[in-house]
Amino acid sequence: MKPTHNDPSLPPSSPQTPQEPTPKPPQHLGQLRRCIHWLGQGGWIIALLLVLTAGALIKDVIIPIMQGHIVHIVGDGKHVSSYGFNLQPLLVPRQELIASGQCKNFLVALRQPKVLDVAEVSAINRRLRDSGGFVVAASRVIGVVINGQARAYPLQMLNWHGIANDTLGGDPIAVIYDGPCDSSLVASRVIDGKKLRFAESGLVYNSNALIYDHQQQAKNESLWTSIGGRAISGPAAANHLTLHAMPCCVVPWGVWRKLHPNTTMIAGDPALYDAYRKDPYGAYYFESGLLRYPVNPRWDRSIYRLKEPLLLLKLNGHWRPVAFADLLAHAPPRDNPLAGRNGTLTVAGKRITYRCWVYPQSTTAMVLSPEHTPTTYCLLFAWYAQHPNEFAGAHWGVATTP
């Protein structure tokens, strides 16, 4: 994977927690951010003249703004108060809520995205073969099956959108991904009988992006963690609401396509296809002990690395973390990597069977049984910072089963 690049829009590094260099956004997103600042300083008059004479500006700046439905910019990237969220009540320490360096909705969430079938994905791959392809066999996707309908959500797309508000098998769902902690969550968009639409807040809690439910009035919007889906501020927090997590898996596209030949895949935004083929986090996941944002508490034990991938299972109403190191330790390798490695563990008294795949730059896993087990994924440091009391044991209650 490619190394990260610096982004001067992020706040300076904390003296207590080294900061990971920020991934560089695709060119037109950087142009958009600079353009927005310039327009706010009165440059709209000159911009109007340029629009009349420069087709490039229309293509690279104005069209992305229109596609993102950005009317005005909220959040200065530095001060939490500038984002205008209702922080009453706030269920986490105020000092641990920080601005990401990006404005609200900087990553534009997808809304009812168009989909492609397997043949259409293959056709795009052939067309883009010389530039590295589109979504190739080893590309990680979030796979979801609802009421017999299967769909894949490539992480390389969600890196640039954060959220896909979709409907699958008749159910409104949100597919949520946060790159800095490699977290994936699929949840129902129906909360208390209301269908919600989620978007990126621009705020971060313990290195985890916070999402919000879009409302007509900002005072009615709530902030939710993208790990676990807990409401931490606003009306939803006052009612102690949590998103209803659904079964999902993170696996290579080649594996998902083989398991579900009739699957569809979200098409994303064709204007961002060049960006989708770039990995904005590079070596961040696997080669670095630095974090992009501060966490408290910080994992400092030697039994697992700071960025150990976790598979989290919701059993008996509680999330149970299992380190990928343990999954691999109890899954004998096979000659064919695409076939995966099967294993069995007992977690919180329940027998879990699973399959995992090992690639040079990633390891993925899916639960085989019990079926319909809600699952989520993230890196250890992010989960531990939010749930330190659940890590009392070395293996968190995981026991091997012959």
Protein backbone atom coordinates (compact mmCIF):
# COMPACT_ATOMS: atom_id res chain seq x y z
CA MET A 1 0.00 0.00 0.00
CA LYS A 2 1.18 3.54 -0.72
CA PRO A 3 2.40 5.91 1.99
CA THR A 4 0.25 8.75 3.20
CA HIS A 5 0.70 12.42 2.32
CA ASN A 6 0.57 15.54 4.44
CA ASP A 7 -2.62 17.64 4.56
CA PRO A 8 -2.10 21.14 6.02
CA SER A 9 -5.81 21.45 6.87
CA LEU A 10 -5.51 19.11 9.85
CA PRO A 11 -4.91 20.49 13.36
CA PRO A 12 -1.33 20.29 14.65
CA SER A 13 -0.15 17.11 16.28
CA SER A 14 -0.88 16.58 19.94
CA PRO A 15 2.27 16.45 22.08
CA GLN A 16 0.89 13.38 23.86
CA THR A 17 -0.12 11.44 20.72
CA PRO A 18 1.95 11.47 17.52
CA GLN A 19 -0.21 12.19 14.51
CA GLU A 20 -0.23 10.24 11.26
CA PRO A 21 0.30 12.37 8.14
CA THR A 22 -3.09 12.99 6.60
CA PRO A 23 -4.03 11.34 3.29
CA LYS A 24 -4.10 13.70 0.34
CA PRO A 25 -7.58 14.06 -1.17
CA PRO A 26 -8.09 13.73 -4.91
CA GLN A 27 -7.20 16.86 -6.86
CA HIS A 28 -10.70 18.17 -7.44
CA LEU A 29 -11.61 17.80 -3.74
CA GLY A 30 -8.59 19.88 -2.79
CA GLN A 31 -9.65 22.47 -5.37
CA LEU A 32 -13.14 22.43 -3.93
CA ARG A 33 -11.93 23.14 -0.41
CA ARG A 34 -9.71 26.03 -1.51
CA CYS A 35 -12.45 27.41 -3.73
CA ILE A 36 -14.95 27.39 -0.86
CA HIS A 37 -12.60 29.40 1.35
CA TRP A 38 -11.99 31.89 -1.47
CA LEU A 39 -15.69 32.28 -2.22
CA GLY A 40 -16.36 32.99 1.43
CA GLN A 41 -13.84 35.84 1.30
CA GLY A 42 -15.76 37.59 -1.49
CA GLY A 43 -14.23 35.85 -4.46
CA TRP A 44 -17.64 34.91 -5.83
CA ILE A 45 -17.66 37.95 -8.11
CA ILE A 46 -14.45 36.91 -9.83
CA ALA A 47 -15.65 33.31 -9.82
CA LEU A 48 -18.74 34.30 -11.76
CA LEU A 49 -16.59 35.85 -14.48
CA LEU A 50 -14.38 32.79 -14.60
CA VAL A 51 -17.37 30.49 -14.93
CA LEU A 52 -18.39 32.35 -18.05
CA THR A 53 -14.98 31.89 -19.65
CA ALA A 54 -13.40 28.75 -18.22
CA GLY A 55 -14.92 25.34 -18.84
CA ALA A 56 -12.28 23.71 -16.65
CA LEU A 57 -13.58 25.53 -13.58
CA ILE A 58 -17.08 24.27 -14.29
CA LYS A 59 -15.84 20.69 -14.62
CA ASP A 60 -13.46 20.58 -11.68
CA VAL A 61 -15.12 22.85 -9.11
CA ILE A 62 -18.69 23.92 -9.77
CA ILE A 63 -19.94 20.50 -10.85
CA PRO A 64 -18.49 18.72 -7.79
CA ILE A 65 -20.18 21.33 -5.57
CA MET A 66 -23.52 20.74 -7.27
CA GLN A 67 -23.11 16.97 -7.15
CA GLY A 68 -22.40 17.15 -3.44
CA HIS A 69 -25.48 19.32 -2.83
CA ILE A 70 -23.30 21.72 -0.82
CA VAL A 71 -25.22 24.94 -0.19
CA HIS A 72 -23.01 26.48 2.47
CA ILE A 73 -20.07 25.33 4.52
CA VAL A 74 -20.42 24.55 8.22
CA GLY A 75 -17.40 23.86 10.42
CA ASP A 76 -14.00 25.56 10.29
CA GLY A 77 -11.98 22.38 10.83
CA LYS A 78 -10.65 23.61 14.19
CA HIS A 79 -13.44 24.50 16.63
CA VAL A 80 -16.17 22.01 17.56
CA SER A 81 -18.61 24.85 18.22
CA SER A 82 -18.37 26.01 14.60
CA TYR A 83 -20.13 22.84 13.42
CA GLY A 84 -23.38 23.84 15.10
CA PHE A 85 -24.32 20.47 16.58
CA ASN A 86 -26.58 20.16 19.60
CA LEU A 87 -24.29 18.89 22.37
CA GLN A 88 -27.02 18.62 24.99
CA PRO A 89 -26.69 16.07 26.33
CA LEU A 90 -23.13 14.97 25.53
CA LEU A 91 -22.37 11.44 26.71
CA VAL A 92 -18.60 11.56 26.18
CA PRO A 93 -15.96 13.90 27.67
CA ARG A 94 -16.10 17.24 25.87
CA GLN A 95 -12.30 17.45 25.57
CA GLU A 96 -12.25 14.20 23.57
CA LEU A 97 -14.55 15.61 20.90
CA ILE A 98 -12.39 17.32 18.26
CA ALA A 99 -12.67 18.81 14.78
CA SER A 100 -11.19 16.64 12.04
CA GLY A 101 -9.73 19.48 9.99
CA GLN A 102 -12.57 19.01 7.50
CA CYS A 103 -15.91 20.78 7.33
CA LYS A 104 -19.29 19.15 7.87
CA ASN A 105 -20.19 17.00 4.84
CA PHE A 106 -16.67 17.30 3.40
CA LEU A 107 -17.06 13.63 2.48
CA VAL A 108 -20.35 13.56 0.59
CA ALA A 109 -22.45 10.57 1.68
CA LEU A 110 -24.05 8.53 -1.08
CA ARG A 111 -27.85 8.57 -1.35
CA GLN A 112 -29.59 5.64 -3.05
CA PRO A 113 -26.54 4.95 -5.21
CA LYS A 114 -26.88 3.37 -8.62
CA VAL A 115 -25.76 -0.25 -8.80
CA LEU A 116 -23.84 -2.43 -11.22
CA ASP A 117 -24.14 -6.14 -11.86
CA VAL A 118 -21.10 -8.41 -12.05
CA ALA A 119 -20.88 -8.15 -15.83
CA GLU A 120 -20.90 -4.35 -15.69
CA VAL A 121 -18.15 -4.32 -13.06
CA SER A 122 -16.06 -6.63 -15.25
CA ALA A 123 -16.62 -4.37 -18.25
CA ILE A 124 -15.39 -1.32 -16.33
CA ASN A 125 -12.37 -3.31 -15.15
CA ARG A 126 -11.50 -4.16 -18.75
CA ARG A 127 -11.88 -0.55 -19.83
CA LEU A 128 -9.64 0.68 -17.03
CA ARG A 129 -7.17 -2.21 -17.10
CA ASP A 130 -4.23 -0.09 -18.22
CA SER A 131 -4.67 2.26 -15.25
CA GLY A 132 -5.00 -0.44 -12.61
CA GLY A 133 -8.59 -1.56 -13.02
CA PHE A 134 -11.69 -0.56 -11.09
CA VAL A 135 -12.63 -3.03 -8.35
CA VAL A 136 -10.36 -6.04 -8.73
CA ALA A 137 -10.51 -9.50 -7.15
CA ALA A 138 -8.41 -8.51 -4.11
CA SER A 139 -10.32 -5.26 -3.44
CA ARG A 140 -12.03 -5.30 -0.05
CA VAL A 141 -15.80 -4.85 -0.03
CA ILE A 142 -18.46 -4.73 2.65
CA GLY A 143 -20.84 -7.52 1.71
CA VAL A 144 -24.48 -7.45 2.77
CA VAL A 145 -27.39 -9.82 2.12
CA ILE A 146 -30.93 -8.76 3.03
CA ASN A 147 -34.05 -10.72 2.08
CA GLY A 148 -32.09 -12.69 -0.49
CA GLN A 149 -30.53 -9.67 -2.21
CA ALA A 150 -26.73 -9.36 -2.09
CA ARG A 151 -24.76 -6.15 -2.59
CA ALA A 152 -21.12 -5.12 -2.32
CA TYR A 153 -19.85 -1.75 -1.09
CA PRO A 154 -16.17 -1.32 -2.02
CA LEU A 155 -14.05 0.28 0.69
CA GLN A 156 -12.13 2.17 -1.97
CA MET A 157 -15.37 4.06 -2.73
CA LEU A 158 -16.42 4.53 0.87
CA ASN A 159 -13.00 6.06 1.60
CA TRP A 160 -14.27 9.12 -0.28
CA HIS A 161 -17.91 9.09 0.90
CA GLY A 162 -17.92 7.59 4.39
CA ILE A 163 -21.55 6.50 4.18
CA ALA A 164 -23.90 4.91 1.67
CA ASN A 165 -27.58 5.52 2.44
CA ASP A 166 -29.17 2.67 0.53
CA THR A 167 -32.18 0.37 0.33
CA LEU A 168 -31.50 -3.36 0.01
CA GLY A 169 -34.11 -6.09 0.00
CA GLY A 170 -36.69 -3.44 0.83
CA ASP A 171 -34.87 -2.34 4.00
CA PRO A 172 -33.38 1.16 4.39
CA ILE A 173 -29.77 0.72 5.52
CA ALA A 174 -26.66 2.79 6.15
CA VAL A 175 -23.30 1.29 5.21
CA ILE A 176 -20.72 3.20 7.25
CA TYR A 177 -16.95 3.13 6.84
CA ASP A 178 -14.24 5.14 8.59
CA GLY A 179 -10.81 4.87 7.00
CA PRO A 180 -8.58 6.04 9.88
CA CYS A 181 -9.78 3.17 12.09
CA ASP A 182 -10.79 0.81 9.26
CA SER A 183 -14.24 0.38 10.79
CA SER A 184 -17.22 -1.06 8.94
CA LEU A 185 -20.81 -1.05 10.17
CA VAL A 186 -24.12 -1.80 8.47
CA ALA A 187 -27.19 -0.56 10.31
CA SER A 188 -30.88 0.01 9.77
CA ARG A 189 -31.84 3.59 8.95
CA VAL A 190 -35.17 3.16 10.73
CA ILE A 191 -34.90 4.54 14.27
CA ASP A 192 -37.95 4.85 16.52
CA GLY A 193 -40.16 4.31 13.50
CA LYS A 194 -38.54 7.11 11.46
CA LYS A 195 -36.40 6.62 8.37
CA LEU A 196 -33.20 8.64 8.74
CA ARG A 197 -30.43 9.72 6.39
CA PHE A 198 -26.88 9.85 7.72
CA ALA A 199 -23.98 12.10 6.78
CA GLU A 200 -20.43 12.93 7.87
CA SER A 201 -20.23 15.41 10.75
CA GLY A 202 -16.60 16.48 10.36
CA LEU A 203 -16.05 15.72 14.06
CA VAL A 204 -14.02 12.92 15.61
CA TYR A 205 -14.21 11.12 18.94
CA ASN A 206 -11.26 8.93 19.93
CA SER A 207 -10.00 8.76 16.35
CA ASN A 208 -13.42 7.59 15.13
CA ALA A 209 -15.46 9.69 12.71
CA LEU A 210 -18.83 10.80 14.06
CA ILE A 211 -21.85 10.69 11.79
CA TYR A 212 -25.12 12.58 12.20
CA ASP A 213 -28.74 12.08 11.20
CA HIS A 214 -29.84 14.79 8.79
CA GLN A 215 -32.79 16.84 10.07
CA GLN A 216 -34.59 19.98 8.89
CA GLN A 217 -33.24 21.85 11.91
CA ALA A 218 -29.70 21.39 13.19
CA LYS A 219 -30.89 21.38 16.81
CA ASN A 220 -32.68 18.10 16.12
CA GLU A 221 -29.59 16.36 14.71
CA SER A 222 -27.70 13.85 16.82
CA LEU A 223 -24.11 12.64 16.68
CA TRP A 224 -23.43 8.90 16.49
CA THR A 225 -20.23 6.87 16.62
CA SER A 226 -19.39 5.01 13.43
CA ILE A 227 -18.08 2.15 15.59
CA GLY A 228 -21.03 0.47 17.29
CA GLY A 229 -23.50 3.19 16.27
CA ARG A 230 -24.09 4.74 19.70
CA ALA A 231 -25.73 8.17 19.91
CA ILE A 232 -23.46 10.45 21.96
CA SER A 233 -25.17 13.85 21.65
CA GLY A 234 -28.49 15.45 20.80
CA PRO A 235 -32.03 14.06 21.05
CA ALA A 236 -31.00 10.48 20.22
CA ALA A 237 -28.43 10.53 23.01
CA ALA A 238 -31.06 11.84 25.42
CA ASN A 239 -33.07 8.73 24.58
CA HIS A 240 -29.97 6.48 24.78
CA LEU A 241 -30.46 5.18 21.25
CA THR A 242 -28.11 2.87 19.36
CA LEU A 243 -28.23 1.95 15.70
CA HIS A 244 -29.53 -1.54 14.97
CA ALA A 245 -26.49 -3.35 13.57
CA MET A 246 -26.99 -5.91 10.82
CA PRO A 247 -24.93 -8.88 9.61
CA CYS A 248 -22.18 -8.00 7.15
CA CYS A 249 -18.70 -9.09 6.19
CA VAL A 250 -15.55 -7.52 4.81
CA VAL A 251 -14.06 -9.80 2.17
CA PRO A 252 -12.25 -9.53 -1.18
CA TRP A 253 -14.48 -8.76 -4.16
CA GLY A 254 -13.37 -12.00 -5.84
CA VAL A 255 -14.59 -14.00 -2.84
CA TRP A 256 -17.89 -12.12 -2.55
CA ARG A 257 -18.57 -12.49 -6.27
CA LYS A 258 -17.99 -16.24 -6.05
CA LEU A 259 -20.24 -16.61 -2.99
CA HIS A 260 -22.98 -14.46 -4.52
CA PRO A 261 -22.89 -14.64 -8.35
CA ASN A 262 -26.02 -12.48 -8.63
CA THR A 263 -24.68 -9.73 -6.40
CA THR A 264 -24.81 -6.08 -7.32
CA MET A 265 -22.24 -3.43 -6.45
CA ILE A 266 -22.76 0.26 -5.86
CA ALA A 267 -21.53 2.32 -8.80
CA GLY A 268 -20.35 5.31 -6.79
CA ASP A 269 -19.62 8.58 -8.59
CA PRO A 270 -18.02 8.14 -12.04
CA ALA A 271 -16.34 11.54 -11.60
CA LEU A 272 -14.32 10.01 -8.75
CA TYR A 273 -13.20 6.79 -10.47
CA ASP A 274 -9.60 8.02 -10.55
CA ALA A 275 -9.76 8.71 -6.81
CA TYR A 276 -11.35 5.33 -6.08
CA ARG A 277 -8.29 3.58 -7.48
CA LYS A 278 -6.00 5.34 -5.00
CA ASP A 279 -5.52 4.20 -1.43
CA PRO A 280 -5.65 7.38 0.69
CA TYR A 281 -4.24 5.71 3.80
CA GLY A 282 -1.35 3.78 2.30
CA ALA A 283 0.89 2.24 4.93
CA TYR A 284 -1.21 3.67 7.76
CA TYR A 285 -2.92 0.39 8.64
CA PHE A 286 -0.11 -2.08 8.57
CA GLU A 287 3.27 -0.39 8.95
CA SER A 288 2.86 2.53 11.33
CA GLY A 289 2.31 2.88 15.07
CA LEU A 290 1.27 6.51 14.69
CA LEU A 291 -2.36 7.62 14.88
CA ARG A 292 -4.03 10.30 12.84
CA TYR A 293 -6.07 11.57 15.81
CA PRO A 294 -5.54 11.26 19.58
CA VAL A 295 -7.17 8.52 21.65
CA ASN A 296 -7.74 8.13 25.37
CA PRO A 297 -6.93 5.63 26.73
CA ARG A 298 -4.27 4.42 24.31
CA TRP A 299 -3.56 0.71 23.89
CA ASP A 300 -0.08 -0.04 25.28
CA ARG A 301 -0.03 -3.81 25.78
CA SER A 302 2.30 -6.10 23.90
CA ILE A 303 -0.09 -9.00 23.34
CA TYR A 304 -1.61 -7.32 20.27
CA ARG A 305 -0.35 -4.51 18.09
CA LEU A 306 -1.93 -1.06 18.23
CA LYS A 307 -3.61 -1.53 14.87
CA GLU A 308 -4.58 -5.17 15.23
CA PRO A 309 -7.73 -5.76 13.14
CA LEU A 310 -10.75 -6.87 15.15
CA LEU A 311 -13.85 -8.81 14.24
CA LEU A 312 -16.68 -7.82 16.58
CA LEU A 313 -19.69 -10.06 17.13
CA LYS A 314 -22.90 -8.98 18.80
CA LEU A 315 -23.75 -11.85 21.13
CA ASN A 316 -26.44 -11.69 23.81
CA GLY A 317 -26.77 -7.96 23.24
CA HIS A 318 -23.06 -7.15 23.71
CA TRP A 319 -20.22 -6.60 21.25
CA ARG A 320 -17.46 -9.19 21.67
CA PRO A 321 -14.08 -8.38 20.07
CA VAL A 322 -11.90 -11.09 18.54
CA ALA A 323 -8.43 -10.26 17.25
CA PHE A 324 -7.58 -11.39 13.74
CA ALA A 325 -4.39 -12.84 15.21
CA ASP A 326 -6.57 -15.30 17.14
CA LEU A 327 -8.73 -16.04 14.11
CA LEU A 328 -5.66 -16.92 12.05
CA ALA A 329 -4.08 -18.94 14.86
CA HIS A 330 -7.04 -21.32 14.83
CA ALA A 331 -7.61 -21.51 11.08
CA PRO A 332 -5.18 -23.88 9.28
CA PRO A 333 -3.80 -22.40 6.04
CA ARG A 334 -4.70 -23.77 2.62
CA ASP A 335 -2.76 -23.87 -0.63
CA ASN A 336 -5.35 -21.74 -2.42
CA PRO A 337 -5.69 -18.32 -0.72
CA LEU A 338 -9.00 -17.65 -2.49
CA ALA A 339 -10.49 -20.73 -0.79
CA GLY A 340 -9.96 -19.16 2.63
CA ARG A 341 -9.11 -20.72 5.97
CA ASN A 342 -11.84 -22.18 8.18
CA GLY A 343 -11.69 -21.96 11.95
CA THR A 344 -13.73 -22.39 15.11
CA LEU A 345 -13.69 -20.45 18.38
CA THR A 346 -15.91 -20.20 21.40
CA VAL A 347 -16.76 -16.59 22.17
CA ALA A 348 -18.81 -15.65 25.24
CA GLY A 349 -19.96 -19.25 25.50
CA LYS A 350 -21.04 -19.50 21.85
CA ARG A 351 -19.40 -21.66 19.22
CA ILE A 352 -18.40 -19.52 16.24
CA THR A 353 -17.27 -20.86 12.88
CA TYR A 354 -15.66 -18.50 10.43
CA ARG A 355 -13.55 -18.22 7.30
CA CYS A 356 -10.67 -15.83 6.75
CA TRP A 357 -8.55 -14.80 3.78
CA VAL A 358 -4.95 -13.61 3.91
CA TYR A 359 -3.58 -11.29 1.23
CA PRO A 360 -0.24 -9.45 1.18
CA GLN A 361 -1.78 -6.17 2.35
CA SER A 362 -4.89 -7.27 4.24
CA THR A 363 -6.65 -10.03 6.13
CA THR A 364 -10.41 -10.41 5.99
CA ALA A 365 -12.90 -12.67 7.74
CA MET A 366 -16.57 -13.56 7.79
CA VAL A 367 -18.75 -15.45 10.26
CA LEU A 368 -20.28 -18.68 8.94
CA SER A 369 -22.33 -19.59 12.00
CA PRO A 370 -24.39 -18.71 13.88
CA GLU A 371 -26.04 -17.20 10.83
CA HIS A 372 -27.39 -13.66 10.98
CA THR A 373 -24.92 -12.61 13.69
CA PRO A 374 -24.49 -8.81 13.66
CA THR A 375 -20.85 -8.02 12.99
CA THR A 376 -18.61 -5.03 12.69
CA TYR A 377 -14.91 -4.49 12.08
CA CYS A 378 -12.31 -1.97 13.27
CA LEU A 379 -8.72 -1.57 14.44
CA LEU A 380 -7.94 -2.35 18.06
CA PHE A 381 -6.87 1.14 19.20
CA ALA A 382 -10.22 2.67 18.24
CA TRP A 383 -12.40 0.06 19.93
CA TYR A 384 -10.25 -0.02 23.05
CA ALA A 385 -10.41 3.76 23.45
CA GLN A 386 -14.21 3.59 23.56
CA HIS A 387 -14.54 0.31 25.47
CA PRO A 388 -11.46 -0.12 27.72
CA ASN A 389 -13.36 -2.09 30.37
CA GLU A 390 -14.18 -4.84 27.87
CA PHE A 391 -10.49 -5.75 27.48
CA ALA A 392 -9.89 -7.13 30.96
CA GLY A 393 -8.67 -10.54 29.78
CA ALA A 394 -5.80 -11.27 27.47
CA HIS A 395 -8.13 -12.88 24.94
CA TRP A 396 -11.35 -11.11 26.02
CA GLY A 397 -13.17 -14.31 26.85
CA VAL A 398 -12.13 -16.15 23.67
CA ALA A 399 -11.44 -19.85 24.15
CA THR A 400 -10.37 -22.34 21.52
CA THR A 401 -12.58 -25.26 20.60
CA PRO A 402 -11.18 -28.51 19.21
